[in-house]
N, C-alpha and C. Protein backbone atom coordinates (compact mmCIF):
# COMPACT_ATOMS: atom_id res chain seq x y z
N GLN A 1 101.91 93.64 122.15
CA GLN A 1 101.55 92.78 121.14
C GLN A 1 100.23 93.13 120.49
N VAL A 2 100.10 92.94 119.20
CA VAL A 2 98.83 93.37 118.54
C VAL A 2 97.78 92.24 118.72
N GLN A 3 96.54 92.70 118.96
CA GLN A 3 95.54 91.81 119.27
C GLN A 3 94.25 92.37 118.62
N LEU A 4 93.53 91.34 118.21
CA LEU A 4 92.15 91.62 117.44
C LEU A 4 91.09 90.99 118.37
N ALA A 5 90.02 91.65 118.68
CA ALA A 5 88.92 91.12 119.47
C ALA A 5 87.69 91.51 118.94
N GLU A 6 86.84 90.39 118.51
CA GLU A 6 85.63 90.53 117.91
C GLU A 6 84.39 90.65 119.05
N SER A 7 83.32 91.23 118.57
CA SER A 7 82.25 91.25 119.52
C SER A 7 80.90 91.38 118.67
N GLY A 8 79.67 91.14 119.10
CA GLY A 8 78.48 91.40 118.47
C GLY A 8 77.88 90.19 117.98
N GLY A 9 78.39 89.04 118.10
CA GLY A 9 77.80 87.83 117.71
C GLY A 9 76.75 87.40 118.57
N GLY A 10 75.72 86.54 118.06
CA GLY A 10 74.58 86.04 118.79
C GLY A 10 73.60 85.36 117.98
N LEU A 11 72.51 85.16 118.51
CA LEU A 11 71.29 84.51 117.75
C LEU A 11 70.35 85.53 117.10
N VAL A 12 70.07 85.28 115.92
CA VAL A 12 69.13 86.18 115.22
C VAL A 12 68.25 85.51 114.33
N GLN A 13 66.89 85.99 114.13
CA GLN A 13 66.04 85.20 113.14
C GLN A 13 66.42 85.49 111.74
N PRO A 14 65.98 84.59 110.96
CA PRO A 14 66.19 84.86 109.45
C PRO A 14 65.51 86.19 109.04
N GLY A 15 66.15 87.00 108.24
CA GLY A 15 65.72 88.28 107.74
C GLY A 15 66.25 89.43 108.62
N GLY A 16 66.72 89.05 109.86
CA GLY A 16 67.24 90.10 110.79
C GLY A 16 68.53 90.57 110.42
N SER A 17 69.06 91.46 111.32
CA SER A 17 70.33 92.22 111.20
C SER A 17 71.23 91.98 112.32
N LEU A 18 72.45 92.11 112.13
CA LEU A 18 73.46 92.04 113.20
C LEU A 18 74.66 92.81 112.78
N ARG A 19 75.25 93.44 113.92
CA ARG A 19 76.46 94.11 113.45
C ARG A 19 77.53 93.62 114.42
N LEU A 20 78.70 93.30 113.64
CA LEU A 20 79.99 92.68 114.35
C LEU A 20 80.95 93.88 114.41
N SER A 21 81.75 93.92 115.58
CA SER A 21 82.80 94.84 115.60
C SER A 21 84.07 94.14 115.87
N CYS A 22 85.27 94.73 115.49
CA CYS A 22 86.60 94.21 115.85
C CYS A 22 87.46 95.23 116.28
N THR A 23 88.06 95.22 117.46
CA THR A 23 88.94 96.24 117.87
C THR A 23 90.34 95.85 117.77
N ILE A 24 91.12 96.53 117.26
CA ILE A 24 92.49 96.31 116.97
C ILE A 24 93.39 97.18 118.11
N SER A 25 94.19 96.45 118.87
CA SER A 25 94.97 97.17 119.86
C SER A 25 96.52 96.68 119.74
N GLY A 26 97.36 97.54 120.27
CA GLY A 26 98.70 97.34 120.33
C GLY A 26 99.41 98.39 119.42
N SER A 27 100.70 98.29 119.39
CA SER A 27 101.58 99.24 118.62
C SER A 27 101.54 98.91 117.18
N ILE A 28 101.08 99.82 116.35
CA ILE A 28 100.80 99.50 114.87
C ILE A 28 101.48 100.69 114.11
N ASN A 29 102.20 100.31 113.06
CA ASN A 29 102.68 101.25 112.09
C ASN A 29 101.76 101.51 111.01
N HIS A 30 101.18 100.37 110.46
CA HIS A 30 100.39 100.54 109.32
C HIS A 30 99.51 99.32 109.14
N ILE A 31 98.25 99.47 108.85
CA ILE A 31 97.32 98.54 108.56
C ILE A 31 97.05 98.44 107.02
N ALA A 32 97.43 97.47 106.28
CA ALA A 32 97.27 97.28 104.89
C ALA A 32 95.90 96.84 104.47
N THR A 33 95.41 95.91 105.24
CA THR A 33 94.15 95.26 104.81
C THR A 33 93.32 94.87 106.12
N MET A 34 92.02 95.11 106.00
CA MET A 34 91.12 94.65 106.99
C MET A 34 90.04 93.68 106.43
N ALA A 35 89.61 92.77 107.09
CA ALA A 35 88.70 91.82 106.37
C ALA A 35 87.89 91.08 107.53
N TRP A 36 86.75 90.41 107.02
CA TRP A 36 86.05 89.56 107.77
C TRP A 36 85.90 88.26 107.11
N TYR A 37 86.15 87.13 107.82
CA TYR A 37 85.96 85.88 107.29
C TYR A 37 85.01 85.00 108.16
N ARG A 38 84.55 83.86 107.71
CA ARG A 38 83.58 83.10 108.34
C ARG A 38 83.99 81.57 108.32
N GLN A 39 83.53 80.78 109.15
CA GLN A 39 83.75 79.29 108.86
C GLN A 39 82.59 78.51 109.54
N ALA A 40 81.91 77.84 108.72
CA ALA A 40 80.67 77.08 109.02
C ALA A 40 81.14 75.73 109.25
N PRO A 41 80.41 74.90 110.20
CA PRO A 41 80.88 73.43 110.57
C PRO A 41 81.02 72.65 109.26
N GLY A 42 82.29 71.96 109.05
CA GLY A 42 82.47 71.16 107.95
C GLY A 42 82.84 71.83 106.74
N LYS A 43 83.14 73.14 106.83
CA LYS A 43 83.55 73.92 105.72
C LYS A 43 84.70 74.63 105.94
N GLN A 44 85.40 75.18 104.76
CA GLN A 44 86.56 75.98 104.92
C GLN A 44 86.37 77.44 105.39
N ARG A 45 87.28 78.13 105.80
CA ARG A 45 87.07 79.57 106.13
C ARG A 45 87.04 80.26 104.77
N GLU A 46 86.09 81.20 104.83
CA GLU A 46 85.86 81.94 103.46
C GLU A 46 85.79 83.49 104.01
N SER A 47 86.17 84.27 102.94
CA SER A 47 86.10 85.80 103.11
C SER A 47 84.75 86.20 102.86
N VAL A 48 84.26 87.14 103.61
CA VAL A 48 82.94 87.71 103.46
C VAL A 48 82.88 89.22 103.17
N ALA A 49 84.08 89.93 103.48
CA ALA A 49 84.19 91.28 103.32
C ALA A 49 85.55 91.78 103.43
N MET A 50 86.11 92.64 102.63
CA MET A 50 87.42 93.19 102.70
C MET A 50 87.52 94.65 102.46
N PHE A 51 88.40 95.25 103.22
CA PHE A 51 88.56 96.76 103.13
C PHE A 51 90.12 96.94 103.01
N THR A 52 90.51 97.48 101.89
CA THR A 52 91.98 97.60 101.62
C THR A 52 92.35 99.09 101.91
N GLN A 53 93.65 99.32 101.69
CA GLN A 53 94.17 100.63 101.93
C GLN A 53 93.82 101.60 100.88
N SER A 54 93.48 101.12 99.66
CA SER A 54 92.95 101.99 98.51
C SER A 54 91.53 102.32 98.71
N ALA A 55 91.00 102.06 99.98
CA ALA A 55 89.62 102.40 100.21
C ALA A 55 88.56 101.49 99.49
N SER A 56 88.91 100.55 98.84
CA SER A 56 88.11 99.76 98.04
C SER A 56 87.51 98.46 98.78
N GLU A 57 86.27 98.37 98.74
CA GLU A 57 85.48 97.35 99.42
C GLU A 57 85.29 96.16 98.45
N SER A 58 85.37 94.92 99.01
CA SER A 58 85.30 93.76 98.04
C SER A 58 84.41 92.77 98.91
N TYR A 59 83.38 92.22 98.18
CA TYR A 59 82.43 91.20 98.67
C TYR A 59 82.26 90.02 97.75
N PRO A 60 82.11 88.81 98.28
CA PRO A 60 81.75 87.78 97.33
C PRO A 60 80.25 87.99 96.98
N ASP A 61 79.93 87.25 96.07
CA ASP A 61 78.54 87.32 95.34
C ASP A 61 77.39 86.94 96.56
N PHE A 62 77.75 86.00 97.23
CA PHE A 62 76.68 85.47 98.19
C PHE A 62 76.33 86.36 99.45
N VAL A 63 77.12 87.45 99.56
CA VAL A 63 76.78 88.35 100.66
C VAL A 63 76.70 89.83 99.99
N LYS A 64 76.96 90.05 98.74
CA LYS A 64 76.91 91.45 98.08
C LYS A 64 75.44 92.01 98.31
N GLY A 65 75.27 93.14 98.76
CA GLY A 65 74.03 93.77 98.81
C GLY A 65 73.45 93.47 100.37
N ARG A 66 74.04 92.53 101.06
CA ARG A 66 73.53 92.29 102.42
C ARG A 66 74.47 92.82 103.46
N PHE A 67 75.82 92.59 103.22
CA PHE A 67 76.82 92.87 104.21
C PHE A 67 77.57 94.08 103.73
N THR A 68 78.07 94.93 104.84
CA THR A 68 78.79 96.19 104.56
C THR A 68 79.81 96.17 105.56
N ILE A 69 81.06 96.34 105.03
CA ILE A 69 82.28 96.61 105.88
C ILE A 69 82.59 98.04 106.07
N SER A 70 82.94 98.46 107.33
CA SER A 70 83.40 99.79 107.53
C SER A 70 84.63 99.87 108.52
N ARG A 71 85.21 100.94 108.49
CA ARG A 71 86.43 100.97 109.17
C ARG A 71 86.63 102.33 109.90
N ALA A 72 87.34 102.36 111.09
CA ALA A 72 87.78 103.43 111.70
C ALA A 72 89.27 103.16 111.95
N GLU A 73 89.83 104.10 112.82
CA GLU A 73 91.36 104.09 112.92
C GLU A 73 91.70 102.75 113.52
N ASN A 74 91.15 102.23 114.55
CA ASN A 74 91.40 101.02 115.28
C ASN A 74 90.22 99.92 115.26
N THR A 75 89.10 100.21 114.50
CA THR A 75 88.04 99.35 114.42
C THR A 75 87.63 98.95 113.24
N VAL A 76 87.16 97.72 112.79
CA VAL A 76 86.56 97.35 111.66
C VAL A 76 85.27 96.68 111.99
N SER A 77 84.22 97.15 111.32
CA SER A 77 82.86 96.52 111.67
C SER A 77 82.24 95.84 110.39
N LEU A 78 81.32 95.01 110.61
CA LEU A 78 80.45 94.24 109.63
C LEU A 78 79.05 94.43 109.94
N GLN A 79 78.34 95.04 109.13
CA GLN A 79 76.86 95.18 109.22
C GLN A 79 76.26 94.22 108.35
N MET A 80 75.45 93.23 108.93
CA MET A 80 74.82 92.18 108.29
C MET A 80 73.34 92.29 108.16
N THR A 81 72.79 92.36 107.08
CA THR A 81 71.28 92.54 106.95
C THR A 81 70.68 91.30 106.20
N ASN A 82 69.41 91.07 106.25
CA ASN A 82 68.54 89.98 105.50
C ASN A 82 69.35 88.72 105.81
N LEU A 83 69.78 88.48 107.07
CA LEU A 83 70.49 87.25 107.37
C LEU A 83 69.67 85.99 106.96
N LYS A 84 70.48 84.92 106.65
CA LYS A 84 69.92 83.66 106.28
C LYS A 84 70.43 82.62 106.97
N PRO A 85 69.66 81.45 107.10
CA PRO A 85 70.43 80.31 108.01
C PRO A 85 71.65 79.83 107.54
N GLU A 86 72.14 79.96 106.41
CA GLU A 86 73.25 79.76 105.75
C GLU A 86 74.53 80.59 106.07
N ASP A 87 74.07 81.64 106.75
CA ASP A 87 75.12 82.58 107.23
C ASP A 87 75.53 82.19 108.59
N THR A 88 75.05 81.18 109.15
CA THR A 88 75.50 80.60 110.48
C THR A 88 76.93 80.21 110.57
N ALA A 89 77.71 80.80 111.33
CA ALA A 89 79.11 80.44 111.31
C ALA A 89 79.94 81.28 112.41
N ILE A 90 81.01 80.75 112.63
CA ILE A 90 82.02 81.67 113.46
C ILE A 90 82.69 82.68 112.47
N TYR A 91 82.55 83.99 112.90
CA TYR A 91 83.01 85.05 112.12
C TYR A 91 84.42 85.59 112.80
N PHE A 92 85.30 85.63 111.96
CA PHE A 92 86.68 86.16 112.41
C PHE A 92 87.16 87.43 111.70
N CYS A 93 87.71 88.36 112.57
CA CYS A 93 88.31 89.49 112.17
C CYS A 93 89.84 89.25 111.69
N TYR A 94 90.16 89.90 110.68
CA TYR A 94 91.50 89.69 110.10
C TYR A 94 92.08 90.93 109.70
N ALA A 95 93.47 91.12 109.86
CA ALA A 95 94.10 92.32 109.41
C ALA A 95 95.55 91.96 109.10
N LEU A 96 96.05 92.77 108.03
CA LEU A 96 97.42 92.65 107.55
C LEU A 96 98.08 93.79 108.01
N ILE A 97 98.99 93.71 109.05
CA ILE A 97 99.65 94.70 109.90
C ILE A 97 101.11 94.72 109.80
N ARG A 98 101.72 95.94 109.75
CA ARG A 98 103.14 96.20 110.02
C ARG A 98 103.16 96.95 111.27
N VAL A 99 104.05 96.32 112.14
CA VAL A 99 104.14 97.04 113.56
C VAL A 99 105.23 98.00 113.58
N SER A 100 106.25 97.95 112.64
CA SER A 100 107.35 98.91 112.54
C SER A 100 107.61 99.01 111.15
N ALA A 101 108.18 100.23 110.58
CA ALA A 101 108.50 100.51 109.18
C ALA A 101 109.61 99.53 108.69
N ASN A 102 110.51 98.97 109.64
CA ASN A 102 111.56 98.14 109.30
C ASN A 102 111.19 96.63 109.38
N LEU A 103 109.94 96.33 109.71
CA LEU A 103 109.53 94.94 109.76
C LEU A 103 108.51 94.60 108.68
N PRO A 104 108.43 93.29 108.24
CA PRO A 104 107.44 92.98 107.18
C PRO A 104 105.99 92.97 107.79
N TYR A 105 105.07 92.82 106.86
CA TYR A 105 103.66 92.80 107.19
C TYR A 105 103.34 91.46 107.77
N SER A 106 102.45 91.37 108.78
CA SER A 106 102.06 89.88 109.11
C SER A 106 100.61 89.79 109.37
N ASN A 107 100.12 88.60 109.38
CA ASN A 107 98.62 88.30 109.59
C ASN A 107 98.27 88.22 110.89
N TYR A 108 97.13 88.90 111.28
CA TYR A 108 96.55 88.81 112.66
C TYR A 108 95.20 88.42 112.64
N TRP A 109 94.66 87.53 113.47
CA TRP A 109 93.37 87.02 113.47
C TRP A 109 92.79 87.17 114.89
N GLY A 110 91.40 87.45 114.81
CA GLY A 110 90.76 87.51 116.16
C GLY A 110 90.33 86.00 116.45
N GLN A 111 89.70 85.82 117.71
CA GLN A 111 89.38 84.50 118.23
C GLN A 111 88.05 84.03 117.64
N GLY A 112 87.35 84.86 117.06
CA GLY A 112 86.02 84.56 116.41
C GLY A 112 84.79 84.79 117.25
N THR A 113 83.69 85.17 116.64
CA THR A 113 82.44 85.27 117.43
C THR A 113 81.25 84.59 116.69
N GLN A 114 80.45 83.83 117.45
CA GLN A 114 79.46 82.98 116.81
C GLN A 114 78.35 83.73 116.44
N VAL A 115 77.85 83.48 115.13
CA VAL A 115 76.65 84.02 114.62
C VAL A 115 75.72 82.94 114.22
N THR A 116 74.51 82.85 114.82
CA THR A 116 73.53 81.74 114.59
C THR A 116 72.27 82.47 113.98
N VAL A 117 71.82 82.04 112.84
CA VAL A 117 70.64 82.47 112.15
C VAL A 117 69.67 81.34 112.21
N SER A 118 68.61 81.61 112.96
CA SER A 118 67.63 80.47 113.21
C SER A 118 66.20 81.12 113.81
N SER A 119 65.28 80.49 113.28
CA SER A 119 63.88 80.91 113.85
C SER A 119 63.55 80.04 115.07
């Protein structure tokens, strides 16, 4: 079964940096999309970075210039710099994956990793 596992979360001071990693395991035919989402207490889950098959990177305005997504064959990472208290949230790894050529693409989520930005 396909599994996504995040790592790298923790406590960091404002202005600091943190790198998150997500390892994708299992039998995979094709990964169409890789992305990072986050969810703060009392708020909806929101996308913070996306990496598509076309090799195009996409970021919302509130993280552009601070966050960078990168990918390897089975890993997607998120480099975060100049972190702010409002970046505090649980960060989730997401991928749109087809496990076989004769099956449809499906959504896969990691369990999340906590990022806390505080002095």
